[in-house]
Protein backbone atom coordinates (compact mmCIF):
# COMPACT_ATOMS: atom_id res chain seq x y z
CA UNK A 1 -0.04 0.00 0.00
CA UNK A 2 2.69 2.38 0.99
CA UNK A 3 4.73 1.58 -2.18
CA UNK A 4 1.71 2.29 -4.44
CA UNK A 5 1.02 5.61 -2.84
CA UNK A 6 4.78 6.48 -3.53
CA UNK A 7 4.63 5.43 -7.13
CA UNK A 8 1.39 7.38 -7.64
CA UNK A 9 2.88 10.59 -6.16
CA UNK A 10 5.86 10.28 -8.74
CA UNK A 11 3.31 9.97 -11.43
CA UNK A 12 1.63 13.19 -10.21
CA UNK A 13 5.12 14.83 -10.47
CA UNK A 14 5.64 13.78 -13.89
CA UNK A 15 2.14 14.92 -15.05
CA UNK A 16 2.65 18.30 -13.34
CA UNK A 17 6.12 18.65 -15.33
CA UNK A 18 4.52 17.74 -18.53
CA UNK A 19 1.50 20.08 -18.09
CA UNK A 20 3.81 23.02 -16.76
CA UNK A 21 6.30 22.58 -19.67
CA UNK A 22 3.44 22.35 -22.11
CA UNK A 23 1.58 25.60 -21.04
CA UNK A 24 4.89 27.44 -20.68
CA UNK A 25 5.87 26.50 -24.26
CA UNK A 26 2.41 27.53 -25.59
CA UNK A 27 2.53 30.69 -23.73
CA UNK A 28 5.92 31.72 -25.03
CA UNK A 29 5.18 30.65 -28.52
CA UNK A 30 2.07 33.03 -28.50
CA UNK A 31 4.33 36.00 -27.82
CA UNK A 32 5.87 35.35 -31.31
CA UNK A 33 2.41 35.10 -33.06
CA UNK A 34 0.72 37.60 -35.12
CA UNK A 35 -2.15 38.02 -32.54
CA UNK A 36 -0.11 39.48 -29.90
CA UNK A 37 -1.33 42.94 -30.63
CA UNK A 38 -5.03 42.08 -31.20
CA UNK A 39 -7.91 41.69 -29.05
CA UNK A 40 -10.39 38.66 -28.77
CA UNK A 41 -14.12 39.01 -29.02
CA UNK A 42 -14.33 39.88 -25.26
CA UNK A 43 -11.91 42.80 -25.70
CA UNK A 44 -9.08 41.05 -23.89
CA UNK A 45 -5.68 41.45 -25.41
CA UNK A 46 -3.96 38.27 -26.45
CA UNK A 47 -0.67 39.24 -24.78
CA UNK A 48 -2.55 39.04 -21.42
CA UNK A 49 -4.01 35.67 -22.25
CA UNK A 50 -0.61 34.32 -23.37
CA UNK A 51 1.06 35.74 -20.29
CA UNK A 52 -1.51 33.88 -18.05
CA UNK A 53 -0.83 30.69 -19.82
CA UNK A 54 2.85 31.00 -19.48
CA UNK A 55 2.58 31.93 -15.79
CA UNK A 56 0.37 28.94 -15.12
CA UNK A 57 3.14 26.71 -16.78
CA UNK A 58 5.67 28.28 -14.38
CA UNK A 59 3.58 27.64 -11.31
CA UNK A 60 2.95 24.07 -12.45
CA UNK A 61 6.80 23.62 -12.78
CA UNK A 62 7.23 25.07 -9.44
CA UNK A 63 4.74 22.88 -7.78
CA UNK A 64 6.26 19.81 -9.38
CA UNK A 65 9.73 21.00 -8.12
CA UNK A 66 8.58 21.48 -4.63
CA UNK A 67 6.77 18.15 -4.35
CA UNK A 68 9.82 16.24 -5.77
CA UNK A 69 12.14 17.88 -3.21
CA UNK A 70 9.56 17.07 -0.25
CA UNK A 71 9.41 13.45 -1.60
CA UNK A 72 13.31 13.18 -1.83
CA UNK A 73 13.64 14.62 1.63
CA UNK A 74 11.32 12.05 3.16
CA UNK A 75 13.31 9.00 1.67
């Protein structure tokens, strides 16, 4: 039982890392697109949306890093 929980938590760290990296890449690629100076149908600038997406990616990567440090410290 204990080993299954430990394996599951490493899977969660892996998923957080993949999601964080993906969001960060999408956000940073968005800054190079043609839409950066335009606004969407709600009147929100695309630069704000891409910034929020990239920031979410950074937070997910930070969470994965913190969880992995806590897990390694508990070994």
